[in-house]
C-alpha atoms as a PDB file:
ATOM      1  CA  UNK A   1      -3.228  -5.653 -25.198  1.00  0.00           C
ATOM      2  CA  UNK A   2      -2.784  -3.714 -28.370  1.00  0.00           C
ATOM      3  CA  UNK A   3      -1.967  -0.042 -28.311  1.00  0.00           C
ATOM      4  CA  UNK A   4      -5.231   1.843 -27.763  1.00  0.00           C
ATOM      5  CA  UNK A   5      -6.471   4.750 -29.776  1.00  0.00           C
ATOM      6  CA  UNK A   6      -5.733   8.216 -28.376  1.00  0.00           C
ATOM      7  CA  UNK A   7      -6.610   8.338 -24.718  1.00  0.00           C
ATOM      8  CA  UNK A   8      -8.335  11.187 -22.931  1.00  0.00           C
ATOM      9  CA  UNK A   9      -5.662  10.881 -20.210  1.00  0.00           C
ATOM     10  CA  UNK A  10      -4.272  14.282 -19.273  1.00  0.00           C
ATOM     11  CA  UNK A  11      -1.065  14.256 -17.260  1.00  0.00           C
ATOM     12  CA  UNK A  12      -1.208  16.058 -13.922  1.00  0.00           C
ATOM     13  CA  UNK A  13       1.313  18.859 -13.530  1.00  0.00           C
ATOM     14  CA  UNK A  14       4.254  17.896 -11.382  1.00  0.00           C
ATOM     15  CA  UNK A  15       4.511  19.972  -8.218  1.00  0.00           C
ATOM     16  CA  UNK A  16       7.371  18.433  -6.257  1.00  0.00           C
ATOM     17  CA  UNK A  17      10.858  19.756  -6.907  1.00  0.00           C
ATOM     18  CA  UNK A  18      13.465  17.173  -7.829  1.00  0.00           C
ATOM     19  CA  UNK A  19      17.000  17.975  -6.762  1.00  0.00           C
ATOM     20  CA  UNK A  20      19.738  16.855  -9.092  1.00  0.00           C
ATOM     21  CA  UNK A  21      23.003  16.871  -7.141  1.00  0.00           C
ATOM     22  CA  UNK A  22      24.947  15.244  -9.942  1.00  0.00           C
ATOM     23  CA  UNK A  23      25.473  16.795 -13.368  1.00  0.00           C
ATOM     24  CA  UNK A  24      23.885  14.937 -16.249  1.00  0.00           C
ATOM     25  CA  UNK A  25      26.283  12.626 -18.094  1.00  0.00           C
ATOM     26  CA  UNK A  26      27.513  13.903 -21.418  1.00  0.00           C
ATOM     27  CA  UNK A  27      26.432  12.291 -24.661  1.00  0.00           C
ATOM     28  CA  UNK A  28      29.933  10.825 -25.017  1.00  0.00           C
ATOM     29  CA  UNK A  29      29.760   9.281 -21.520  1.00  0.00           C
ATOM     30  CA  UNK A  30      26.344   7.784 -22.259  1.00  0.00           C
ATOM     31  CA  UNK A  31      27.506   6.249 -25.542  1.00  0.00           C
ATOM     32  CA  UNK A  32      30.321   4.523 -23.640  1.00  0.00           C
ATOM     33  CA  UNK A  33      28.178   3.410 -20.691  1.00  0.00           C
ATOM     34  CA  UNK A  34      24.957   2.276 -22.410  1.00  0.00           C
ATOM     35  CA  UNK A  35      24.367  -0.499 -24.898  1.00  0.00           C
ATOM     36  CA  UNK A  36      23.345   0.665 -28.384  1.00  0.00           C
ATOM     37  CA  UNK A  37      19.730  -0.305 -27.597  1.00  0.00           C
ATOM     38  CA  UNK A  38      19.713   1.528 -24.252  1.00  0.00           C
ATOM     39  CA  UNK A  39      21.113   4.641 -25.930  1.00  0.00           C
ATOM     40  CA  UNK A  40      18.650   4.451 -28.809  1.00  0.00           C
ATOM     41  CA  UNK A  41      15.651   4.074 -26.461  1.00  0.00           C
ATOM     42  CA  UNK A  42      16.621   6.663 -23.845  1.00  0.00           C
ATOM     43  CA  UNK A  43      18.153   9.314 -26.100  1.00  0.00           C
ATOM     44  CA  UNK A  44      16.538   8.819 -29.509  1.00  0.00           C
ATOM     45  CA  UNK A  45      13.011   7.843 -28.328  1.00  0.00           C
ATOM     46  CA  UNK A  46      13.233   4.382 -29.864  1.00  0.00           C
ATOM     47  CA  UNK A  47      11.046   1.474 -28.773  1.00  0.00           C
ATOM     48  CA  UNK A  48      12.485  -1.952 -28.118  1.00  0.00           C
ATOM     49  CA  UNK A  49      10.917  -5.070 -29.594  1.00  0.00           C
ATOM     50  CA  UNK A  50       7.898  -6.392 -27.710  1.00  0.00           C
ATOM     51  CA  UNK A  51       7.825  -9.835 -26.058  1.00  0.00           C
ATOM     52  CA  UNK A  52      11.630 -10.204 -26.149  1.00  0.00           C
ATOM     53  CA  UNK A  53      12.822  -7.534 -23.719  1.00  0.00           C
ATOM     54  CA  UNK A  54      14.392  -8.181 -20.327  1.00  0.00           C
ATOM     55  CA  UNK A  55      11.602  -7.202 -17.921  1.00  0.00           C
ATOM     56  CA  UNK A  56       8.389  -8.006 -19.812  1.00  0.00           C
ATOM     57  CA  UNK A  57       7.771 -11.228 -17.870  1.00  0.00           C
ATOM     58  CA  UNK A  58      10.045 -10.404 -14.930  1.00  0.00           C
ATOM     59  CA  UNK A  59       8.449 -11.107 -11.544  1.00  0.00           C
ATOM     60  CA  UNK A  60      11.199 -10.404  -9.002  1.00  0.00           C
ATOM     61  CA  UNK A  61      10.506  -8.250  -5.948  1.00  0.00           C
ATOM     62  CA  UNK A  62      12.345  -4.921  -5.993  1.00  0.00           C
ATOM     63  CA  UNK A  63      12.482  -1.567  -7.746  1.00  0.00           C
ATOM     64  CA  UNK A  64      13.178  -0.418 -11.281  1.00  0.00           C
ATOM     65  CA  UNK A  65      15.490   2.571 -11.600  1.00  0.00           C
ATOM     66  CA  UNK A  66      16.359   4.999 -14.377  1.00  0.00           C
ATOM     67  CA  UNK A  67      19.281   3.585 -16.392  1.00  0.00           C
ATOM     68  CA  UNK A  68      20.694   7.130 -16.749  1.00  0.00           C
ATOM     69  CA  UNK A  69      20.354   8.661 -13.263  1.00  0.00           C
ATOM     70  CA  UNK A  70      19.724   5.650 -11.030  1.00  0.00           C
ATOM     71  CA  UNK A  71      16.625   7.345  -9.566  1.00  0.00           C
ATOM     72  CA  UNK A  72      13.860   4.945  -8.460  1.00  0.00           C
ATOM     73  CA  UNK A  73      10.985   4.936 -10.943  1.00  0.00           C
ATOM     74  CA  UNK A  74       8.731   1.897 -10.457  1.00  0.00           C
ATOM     75  CA  UNK A  75       8.119  -0.822  -7.872  1.00  0.00           C
ATOM     76  CA  UNK A  76       7.460  -4.495  -8.539  1.00  0.00           C
ATOM     77  CA  UNK A  77       4.429  -4.011  -6.246  1.00  0.00           C
ATOM     78  CA  UNK A  78       2.870  -1.870  -9.016  1.00  0.00           C
ATOM     79  CA  UNK A  79       3.882  -4.107 -11.948  1.00  0.00           C
ATOM     80  CA  UNK A  80       1.267  -6.151 -13.784  1.00  0.00           C
ATOM     81  CA  UNK A  81       1.094  -8.428 -16.825  1.00  0.00           C
ATOM     82  CA  UNK A  82      -0.008  -6.245 -19.712  1.00  0.00           C
ATOM     83  CA  UNK A  83       0.089  -8.806 -22.529  1.00  0.00           C
ATOM     84  CA  UNK A  84       1.399  -6.008 -24.760  1.00  0.00           C
ATOM     85  CA  UNK A  85       5.027  -7.148 -24.764  1.00  0.00           C
ATOM     86  CA  UNK A  86       6.547  -4.525 -22.451  1.00  0.00           C
ATOM     87  CA  UNK A  87       6.643  -4.166 -18.680  1.00  0.00           C
ATOM     88  CA  UNK A  88       3.594  -2.367 -17.318  1.00  0.00           C
ATOM     89  CA  UNK A  89       3.141  -0.464 -14.075  1.00  0.00           C
ATOM     90  CA  UNK A  90       0.069   1.187 -12.533  1.00  0.00           C
ATOM     91  CA  UNK A  91       2.016   4.155 -11.124  1.00  0.00           C
ATOM     92  CA  UNK A  92       5.518   5.493 -10.542  1.00  0.00           C
ATOM     93  CA  UNK A  93       7.150   5.346  -7.106  1.00  0.00           C
ATOM     94  CA  UNK A  94       7.545   9.135  -7.096  1.00  0.00           C
ATOM     95  CA  UNK A  95       5.395  11.116  -9.527  1.00  0.00           C
ATOM     96  CA  UNK A  96       7.890  13.996  -9.339  1.00  0.00           C
ATOM     97  CA  UNK A  97      10.569  11.842 -10.995  1.00  0.00           C
ATOM     98  CA  UNK A  98       8.414  11.000 -14.023  1.00  0.00           C
ATOM     99  CA  UNK A  99       7.086  13.538 -16.474  1.00  0.00           C
ATOM    100  CA  UNK A 100       4.430  13.139 -19.136  1.00  0.00           C
ATOM    101  CA  UNK A 101       4.597  14.875 -22.515  1.00  0.00           C
ATOM    102  CA  UNK A 102       2.324  14.959 -25.549  1.00  0.00           C
ATOM    103  CA  UNK A 103       3.639  12.678 -28.309  1.00  0.00           C
ATOM    104  CA  UNK A 104       2.171  12.993 -31.810  1.00  0.00           C
ATOM    105  CA  UNK A 105       4.791  10.919 -33.637  1.00  0.00           C
ATOM    106  CA  UNK A 106       4.039   7.990 -35.943  1.00  0.00           C
ATOM    107  CA  UNK A 107       0.556   9.336 -36.747  1.00  0.00           C
ATOM    108  CA  UNK A 108      -0.694   8.722 -33.189  1.00  0.00           C
ATOM    109  CA  UNK A 109      -1.578  10.846 -30.189  1.00  0.00           C
ATOM    110  CA  UNK A 110      -0.005   9.387 -27.074  1.00  0.00           C
ATOM    111  CA  UNK A 111       1.490  10.507 -23.779  1.00  0.00           C
ATOM    112  CA  UNK A 112       5.234   9.962 -23.584  1.00  0.00           C
ATOM    113  CA  UNK A 113       6.825   9.201 -20.209  1.00  0.00           C
ATOM    114  CA  UNK A 114      10.315  10.547 -19.462  1.00  0.00           C
ATOM    115  CA  UNK A 115      12.478  10.466 -16.368  1.00  0.00           C
ATOM    116  CA  UNK A 116      12.827  13.968 -14.970  1.00  0.00           C
ATOM    117  CA  UNK A 117      16.412  13.714 -13.659  1.00  0.00           C
ATOM    118  CA  UNK A 118      17.914  11.482 -16.356  1.00  0.00           C
ATOM    119  CA  UNK A 119      15.823  12.977 -19.172  1.00  0.00           C
ATOM    120  CA  UNK A 120      15.447   9.437 -20.502  1.00  0.00           C
ATOM    121  CA  UNK A 121      12.624   8.357 -22.779  1.00  0.00           C
ATOM    122  CA  UNK A 122      10.944   5.544 -20.826  1.00  0.00           C
ATOM    123  CA  UNK A 123       7.849   4.697 -22.871  1.00  0.00           C
ATOM    124  CA  UNK A 124       4.212   5.817 -22.799  1.00  0.00           C
ATOM    125  CA  UNK A 125       1.271   5.929 -20.403  1.00  0.00           C
ATOM    126  CA  UNK A 126      -2.236   4.827 -21.392  1.00  0.00           C
ATOM    127  CA  UNK A 127      -5.592   4.850 -19.613  1.00  0.00           C
ATOM    128  CA  UNK A 128      -6.328   1.148 -20.137  1.00  0.00           C
ATOM    129  CA  UNK A 129      -4.698  -0.180 -16.967  1.00  0.00           C
ATOM    130  CA  UNK A 130      -6.473  -1.987 -14.121  1.00  0.00           C
ATOM    131  CA  UNK A 131      -9.452   0.197 -13.157  1.00  0.00           C
ATOM    132  CA  UNK A 132      -9.267  -0.869  -9.499  1.00  0.00           C
ATOM    133  CA  UNK A 133      -5.667   0.446  -9.367  1.00  0.00           C
ATOM    134  CA  UNK A 134      -6.292   3.836 -10.961  1.00  0.00           C
ATOM    135  CA  UNK A 135      -6.744   2.852 -14.612  1.00  0.00           C
ATOM    136  CA  UNK A 136      -3.261   3.738 -15.893  1.00  0.00           C
ATOM    137  CA  UNK A 137      -0.754   1.551 -17.722  1.00  0.00           C
ATOM    138  CA  UNK A 138       2.791   2.841 -17.781  1.00  0.00           C
ATOM    139  CA  UNK A 139       4.196   0.894 -20.739  1.00  0.00           C
ATOM    140  CA  UNK A 140       7.966   1.054 -20.201  1.00  0.00           C
ATOM    141  CA  UNK A 141      10.949  -0.047 -22.279  1.00  0.00           C
ATOM    142  CA  UNK A 142      13.153  -2.513 -20.380  1.00  0.00           C
ATOM    143  CA  UNK A 143      16.171  -0.850 -21.998  1.00  0.00           C
ATOM    144  CA  UNK A 144      15.414   2.371 -20.085  1.00  0.00           C
ATOM    145  CA  UNK A 145      15.369   0.803 -16.615  1.00  0.00           C
ATOM    146  CA  UNK A 146      17.472  -1.410 -14.351  1.00  0.00           C
ATOM    147  CA  UNK A 147      16.051  -3.795 -11.766  1.00  0.00           C
ATOM    148  CA  UNK A 148      17.368  -3.730  -8.195  1.00  0.00           C
ATOM    149  CA  UNK A 149      16.242  -6.834  -6.251  1.00  0.00           C
ATOM    150  CA  UNK A 150      14.723  -6.192  -2.829  1.00  0.00           C
ATOM    151  CA  UNK A 151      17.522  -8.126  -1.093  1.00  0.00           C
ATOM    152  CA  UNK A 152      20.174  -5.904  -2.730  1.00  0.00           C
ATOM    153  CA  UNK A 153      18.465  -2.534  -2.281  1.00  0.00           C
ATOM    154  CA  UNK A 154      20.362  -1.607   0.908  1.00  0.00           C
ATOM    155  CA  UNK A 155      23.816  -2.332  -0.511  1.00  0.00           C
ATOM    156  CA  UNK A 156      22.878  -0.518  -3.738  1.00  0.00           C
ATOM    157  CA  UNK A 157      21.891   2.646  -1.810  1.00  0.00           C
ATOM    158  CA  UNK A 158      18.108   2.241  -1.983  1.00  0.00           C
ATOM    159  CA  UNK A 159      17.391   1.254   1.661  1.00  0.00           C
ATOM    160  CA  UNK A 160      14.856   4.048   2.166  1.00  0.00           C
ATOM    161  CA  UNK A 161      12.662   2.482  -0.518  1.00  0.00           C
ATOM    162  CA  UNK A 162      12.339  -0.836   1.376  1.00  0.00           C
ATOM    163  CA  UNK A 163       9.278   0.700   3.040  1.00  0.00           C
ATOM    164  CA  UNK A 164       7.448  -0.090  -0.213  1.00  0.00           C
ATOM    165  CA  UNK A 165       7.643  -3.775   0.680  1.00  0.00           C
ATOM    166  CA  UNK A 166       6.514  -3.555   4.305  1.00  0.00           C
ATOM    167  CA  UNK A 167       3.001  -4.865   5.023  1.00  0.00           C
ATOM    168  CA  UNK A 168       0.382  -2.156   5.252  1.00  0.00           C
ATOM    169  CA  UNK A 169      -1.562  -1.826   8.539  1.00  0.00           C
ATOM    170  CA  UNK A 170      -4.639  -3.544   7.062  1.00  0.00           C
ATOM    171  CA  UNK A 171      -2.473  -6.523   6.004  1.00  0.00           C
ATOM    172  CA  UNK A 172      -0.952  -6.861   9.512  1.00  0.00           C
ATOM    173  CA  UNK A 173      -4.354  -7.425  11.194  1.00  0.00           C
END
């Protein structure tokens, strides 16, 4: 998919409060911890190259977390092949952890997606996703997220999110 013209998508205001028990890392700490690409994407609003990034064609079962804060952002259950060169998701795990902002850079009108706790630039959201799943396409830079496989979620501290992978009642019958 190519990037669509300006979308009539209007982000919904976030109502849930996100607690941040850990202070944000300093710029110096981030420069030491992140690769140059991860820093450029998350802190300078860069975009990684399409079709060559880590998670574009990734199909493992698990969650994708913010590279800065470690907060869960997206589930593999909501990932779909976008054909645009970046990983695409139909929705975030927790809408309160993702914020949408108007972005009028590069002569376009888009909706930027940022992580609320980590304040990381993640990518953009468009209204050309699968209609049957809500119609949104969260187009996310792989450099802004880290994948935690389902089988490692408990040891990595994400056990409470395993519920995302349990069969729904309709699937059990």
